[in-house]
Amino acid sequence: MSNHRRFITAPLIAATAAGLALTAACGTDNSSTPAPASTSASENAQQEKKADSPAKSERADLTRFRLDDRSQAGITDIWVVWTVRNTSGKKSNYRIDWEAVDSSGTRVANSTELVTDVQPGQTTTGEDITTLHSTQGIKLNITRFDRTAAY
């Protein structure tokens, strides 16, 4: 493993451990659901109207979750990118556990993304590199999604 990869891996492990400690006592959504599909401007407007309804789920705060293949010149460079919109009335932290499965249903990657200190009504985006070698035939599933109050 190169020094560069060690440099990235150590903070990622520390951040994941911190996220696990913060959310250990919280309720969870253990169902596996597909990641949100890309949406058009009119669909985004409809989603915003739905997000304002009182019976919304915290899972609706995850408005985008997809793979971004930035590979070039024979070098694999695949990222997971997301958008979270805080529809609650409190500053919030989010934990997103995900898996990537191939066309035969075999898990080929999984990870956890932590999003912190999102203000009410604020939209934030993020990205993280993956260990995937291709996006061909890959399906993303959200295996856990939690929103907790941030202090």
C-alpha atoms as a PDB file:
ATOM      1  CA  MET A   1       0.000   0.000   0.000  1.00  0.00           C
ATOM      2  CA  SER A   2       1.437   3.379  -0.914  1.00  0.00           C
ATOM      3  CA  ASN A   3       1.969   6.140   1.635  1.00  0.00           C
ATOM      4  CA  HIS A   4      -0.763   8.166  -0.080  1.00  0.00           C
ATOM      5  CA  ARG A   5      -3.357   5.441   0.515  1.00  0.00           C
ATOM      6  CA  ARG A   6      -2.301   5.110   4.169  1.00  0.00           C
ATOM      7  CA  PHE A   7      -2.733   8.858   4.541  1.00  0.00           C
ATOM      8  CA  ILE A   8      -6.333   8.653   3.256  1.00  0.00           C
ATOM      9  CA  THR A   9      -7.261   5.413   5.050  1.00  0.00           C
ATOM     10  CA  ALA A  10      -6.282   6.383   8.616  1.00  0.00           C
ATOM     11  CA  PRO A  11      -8.557   9.488   8.807  1.00  0.00           C
ATOM     12  CA  LEU A  12     -11.365   7.553   7.119  1.00  0.00           C
ATOM     13  CA  ILE A  13     -11.169   4.799   9.733  1.00  0.00           C
ATOM     14  CA  ALA A  14     -11.052   7.366  12.544  1.00  0.00           C
ATOM     15  CA  ALA A  15     -14.055   9.236  11.134  1.00  0.00           C
ATOM     16  CA  THR A  16     -16.031   6.001  10.733  1.00  0.00           C
ATOM     17  CA  ALA A  17     -15.247   4.959  14.317  1.00  0.00           C
ATOM     18  CA  ALA A  18     -16.358   8.370  15.582  1.00  0.00           C
ATOM     19  CA  GLY A  19     -19.583   8.106  13.598  1.00  0.00           C
ATOM     20  CA  LEU A  20     -20.285   4.660  15.013  1.00  0.00           C
ATOM     21  CA  ALA A  21     -19.784   5.954  18.543  1.00  0.00           C
ATOM     22  CA  LEU A  22     -22.088   8.947  17.944  1.00  0.00           C
ATOM     23  CA  THR A  23     -24.939   6.900  16.505  1.00  0.00           C
ATOM     24  CA  ALA A  24     -24.710   3.745  18.636  1.00  0.00           C
ATOM     25  CA  ALA A  25     -27.724   4.705  20.775  1.00  0.00           C
ATOM     26  CA  CYS A  26     -29.905   5.958  17.897  1.00  0.00           C
ATOM     27  CA  GLY A  27     -32.702   4.118  16.123  1.00  0.00           C
ATOM     28  CA  THR A  28     -31.852   2.769  12.715  1.00  0.00           C
ATOM     29  CA  ASP A  29     -33.432   1.994   9.397  1.00  0.00           C
ATOM     30  CA  ASN A  30     -32.070  -1.471   8.642  1.00  0.00           C
ATOM     31  CA  SER A  31     -33.808  -1.943   5.323  1.00  0.00           C
ATOM     32  CA  SER A  32     -31.814  -1.879   2.107  1.00  0.00           C
ATOM     33  CA  THR A  33     -33.197   0.561  -0.437  1.00  0.00           C
ATOM     34  CA  PRO A  34     -31.945   1.669  -3.821  1.00  0.00           C
ATOM     35  CA  ALA A  35     -30.079   4.953  -3.917  1.00  0.00           C
ATOM     36  CA  PRO A  36     -32.093   7.883  -5.268  1.00  0.00           C
ATOM     37  CA  ALA A  37     -32.042   8.194  -9.034  1.00  0.00           C
ATOM     38  CA  SER A  38     -30.915  11.362 -10.763  1.00  0.00           C
ATOM     39  CA  THR A  39     -33.792  13.811 -11.082  1.00  0.00           C
ATOM     40  CA  SER A  40     -34.762  16.640 -13.392  1.00  0.00           C
ATOM     41  CA  ALA A  41     -35.552  20.197 -12.281  1.00  0.00           C
ATOM     42  CA  SER A  42     -39.319  19.570 -12.322  1.00  0.00           C
ATOM     43  CA  GLU A  43     -38.898  16.390 -10.279  1.00  0.00           C
ATOM     44  CA  ASN A  44     -36.718  18.322  -7.815  1.00  0.00           C
ATOM     45  CA  ALA A  45     -39.495  20.901  -7.400  1.00  0.00           C
ATOM     46  CA  GLN A  46     -41.998  18.112  -6.728  1.00  0.00           C
ATOM     47  CA  GLN A  47     -39.626  16.541  -4.179  1.00  0.00           C
ATOM     48  CA  GLU A  48     -39.249  19.888  -2.400  1.00  0.00           C
ATOM     49  CA  LYS A  49     -43.035  20.179  -2.123  1.00  0.00           C
ATOM     50  CA  LYS A  50     -43.179  16.627  -0.727  1.00  0.00           C
ATOM     51  CA  ALA A  51     -40.387  17.428   1.730  1.00  0.00           C
ATOM     52  CA  ASP A  52     -42.530  20.225   3.212  1.00  0.00           C
ATOM     53  CA  SER A  53     -45.344  17.813   4.089  1.00  0.00           C
ATOM     54  CA  PRO A  54     -45.599  16.977   7.808  1.00  0.00           C
ATOM     55  CA  ALA A  55     -45.536  13.166   7.348  1.00  0.00           C
ATOM     56  CA  LYS A  56     -42.105  13.046   5.730  1.00  0.00           C
ATOM     57  CA  SER A  57     -39.438  10.473   6.502  1.00  0.00           C
ATOM     58  CA  GLU A  58     -35.895  11.464   7.427  1.00  0.00           C
ATOM     59  CA  ARG A  59     -34.753   9.184   4.552  1.00  0.00           C
ATOM     60  CA  ALA A  60     -36.207  11.778   2.167  1.00  0.00           C
ATOM     61  CA  ASP A  61     -33.371  14.121   3.217  1.00  0.00           C
ATOM     62  CA  LEU A  62     -31.033  12.100   0.984  1.00  0.00           C
ATOM     63  CA  THR A  63     -31.883  13.640  -2.377  1.00  0.00           C
ATOM     64  CA  ARG A  64     -28.991  12.257  -4.453  1.00  0.00           C
ATOM     65  CA  PHE A  65     -26.659   9.286  -4.062  1.00  0.00           C
ATOM     66  CA  ARG A  66     -24.815   7.947  -7.104  1.00  0.00           C
ATOM     67  CA  LEU A  67     -21.504   6.806  -8.559  1.00  0.00           C
ATOM     68  CA  ASP A  68     -19.316   9.200 -10.529  1.00  0.00           C
ATOM     69  CA  ASP A  69     -16.769   7.502 -12.810  1.00  0.00           C
ATOM     70  CA  ARG A  70     -13.807   9.863 -13.260  1.00  0.00           C
ATOM     71  CA  SER A  71     -11.504   7.198 -14.700  1.00  0.00           C
ATOM     72  CA  GLN A  72      -9.163   8.265 -17.458  1.00  0.00           C
ATOM     73  CA  ALA A  73      -6.022   7.058 -19.222  1.00  0.00           C
ATOM     74  CA  GLY A  74      -6.538   3.535 -17.893  1.00  0.00           C
ATOM     75  CA  ILE A  75      -6.563   4.639 -14.237  1.00  0.00           C
ATOM     76  CA  THR A  76      -9.701   3.718 -12.273  1.00  0.00           C
ATOM     77  CA  ASP A  77     -11.148   6.651 -10.321  1.00  0.00           C
ATOM     78  CA  ILE A  78     -14.737   6.018  -9.143  1.00  0.00           C
ATOM     79  CA  TRP A  79     -16.406   8.194  -6.516  1.00  0.00           C
ATOM     80  CA  VAL A  80     -19.695   8.085  -4.645  1.00  0.00           C
ATOM     81  CA  VAL A  81     -21.389  11.506  -4.517  1.00  0.00           C
ATOM     82  CA  TRP A  82     -24.380  12.596  -2.463  1.00  0.00           C
ATOM     83  CA  THR A  83     -26.671  15.506  -1.674  1.00  0.00           C
ATOM     84  CA  VAL A  84     -28.459  15.868   1.660  1.00  0.00           C
ATOM     85  CA  ARG A  85     -31.134  18.481   2.415  1.00  0.00           C
ATOM     86  CA  ASN A  86     -32.034  18.981   6.066  1.00  0.00           C
ATOM     87  CA  THR A  87     -35.835  19.175   6.188  1.00  0.00           C
ATOM     88  CA  SER A  88     -35.979  19.073   9.983  1.00  0.00           C
ATOM     89  CA  GLY A  89     -36.109  22.082  12.258  1.00  0.00           C
ATOM     90  CA  LYS A  90     -32.821  21.178  13.986  1.00  0.00           C
ATOM     91  CA  LYS A  91     -29.149  21.166  13.054  1.00  0.00           C
ATOM     92  CA  SER A  92     -28.476  17.533  12.096  1.00  0.00           C
ATOM     93  CA  ASN A  93     -25.809  14.900  11.488  1.00  0.00           C
ATOM     94  CA  TYR A  94     -26.339  12.096   8.972  1.00  0.00           C
ATOM     95  CA  ARG A  95     -24.929   8.599   8.636  1.00  0.00           C
ATOM     96  CA  ILE A  96     -25.329   6.820   5.295  1.00  0.00           C
ATOM     97  CA  ASP A  97     -24.312   3.147   5.038  1.00  0.00           C
ATOM     98  CA  TRP A  98     -24.262   1.873   1.465  1.00  0.00           C
ATOM     99  CA  GLU A  99     -23.359  -1.136  -0.611  1.00  0.00           C
ATOM    100  CA  ALA A 100     -22.615  -1.656  -4.282  1.00  0.00           C
ATOM    101  CA  VAL A 101     -23.814  -4.935  -5.781  1.00  0.00           C
ATOM    102  CA  ASP A 102     -23.058  -6.369  -9.211  1.00  0.00           C
ATOM    103  CA  SER A 103     -25.612  -7.800 -11.639  1.00  0.00           C
ATOM    104  CA  SER A 104     -25.467 -11.218  -9.942  1.00  0.00           C
ATOM    105  CA  GLY A 105     -26.301  -9.657  -6.547  1.00  0.00           C
ATOM    106  CA  THR A 106     -22.792 -10.000  -5.098  1.00  0.00           C
ATOM    107  CA  ARG A 107     -21.639  -7.146  -2.871  1.00  0.00           C
ATOM    108  CA  VAL A 108     -18.503  -5.631  -4.422  1.00  0.00           C
ATOM    109  CA  ALA A 109     -18.085  -2.624  -2.103  1.00  0.00           C
ATOM    110  CA  ASN A 110     -19.610  -0.992   0.949  1.00  0.00           C
ATOM    111  CA  SER A 111     -18.859   1.985   3.161  1.00  0.00           C
ATOM    112  CA  THR A 112     -20.267   4.642   5.472  1.00  0.00           C
ATOM    113  CA  GLU A 113     -20.553   8.358   4.739  1.00  0.00           C
ATOM    114  CA  LEU A 114     -20.830  10.878   7.571  1.00  0.00           C
ATOM    115  CA  VAL A 115     -22.346  14.321   7.046  1.00  0.00           C
ATOM    116  CA  THR A 116     -22.210  16.678  10.034  1.00  0.00           C
ATOM    117  CA  ASP A 117     -23.683  19.966  11.225  1.00  0.00           C
ATOM    118  CA  VAL A 118     -26.273  20.523   8.478  1.00  0.00           C
ATOM    119  CA  GLN A 119     -28.439  23.511   9.388  1.00  0.00           C
ATOM    120  CA  PRO A 120     -32.261  23.395   9.015  1.00  0.00           C
ATOM    121  CA  GLY A 121     -33.165  23.948   5.354  1.00  0.00           C
ATOM    122  CA  GLN A 122     -29.521  23.693   4.262  1.00  0.00           C
ATOM    123  CA  THR A 123     -28.466  21.491   1.347  1.00  0.00           C
ATOM    124  CA  THR A 124     -24.984  19.986   1.354  1.00  0.00           C
ATOM    125  CA  THR A 125     -23.093  17.801  -1.080  1.00  0.00           C
ATOM    126  CA  GLY A 126     -20.182  15.452  -0.586  1.00  0.00           C
ATOM    127  CA  GLU A 127     -18.089  12.810  -2.265  1.00  0.00           C
ATOM    128  CA  ASP A 128     -15.755   9.975  -1.366  1.00  0.00           C
ATOM    129  CA  ILE A 129     -13.523   7.720  -3.416  1.00  0.00           C
ATOM    130  CA  THR A 130     -14.460   4.031  -3.729  1.00  0.00           C
ATOM    131  CA  THR A 131     -12.562   0.802  -4.306  1.00  0.00           C
ATOM    132  CA  LEU A 132     -14.742  -0.113  -7.300  1.00  0.00           C
ATOM    133  CA  HIS A 133     -13.010  -1.078 -10.538  1.00  0.00           C
ATOM    134  CA  SER A 134     -16.022  -0.392 -12.781  1.00  0.00           C
ATOM    135  CA  THR A 135     -19.542   1.035 -12.677  1.00  0.00           C
ATOM    136  CA  GLN A 136     -20.795  -1.408 -15.324  1.00  0.00           C
ATOM    137  CA  GLY A 137     -23.809  -3.311 -13.943  1.00  0.00           C
ATOM    138  CA  ILE A 138     -23.355  -1.894 -10.427  1.00  0.00           C
ATOM    139  CA  LYS A 139     -26.390  -0.996  -8.316  1.00  0.00           C
ATOM    140  CA  LEU A 140     -26.140   1.170  -5.170  1.00  0.00           C
ATOM    141  CA  ASN A 141     -28.252   0.343  -2.110  1.00  0.00           C
ATOM    142  CA  ILE A 142     -28.635   2.384   1.057  1.00  0.00           C
ATOM    143  CA  THR A 143     -28.417  -0.163   3.888  1.00  0.00           C
ATOM    144  CA  ARG A 144     -28.775   2.307   6.769  1.00  0.00           C
ATOM    145  CA  PHE A 145     -29.678   5.983   7.015  1.00  0.00           C
ATOM    146  CA  ASP A 146     -29.785   7.914  10.270  1.00  0.00           C
ATOM    147  CA  ARG A 147     -30.359  11.550  11.107  1.00  0.00           C
ATOM    148  CA  THR A 148     -29.418  12.696  14.601  1.00  0.00           C
ATOM    149  CA  ALA A 149     -29.511  16.110  16.230  1.00  0.00           C
ATOM    150  CA  ALA A 150     -26.196  17.981  16.142  1.00  0.00           C
ATOM    151  CA  TYR A 151     -25.180  20.109  19.113  1.00  0.00           C
END
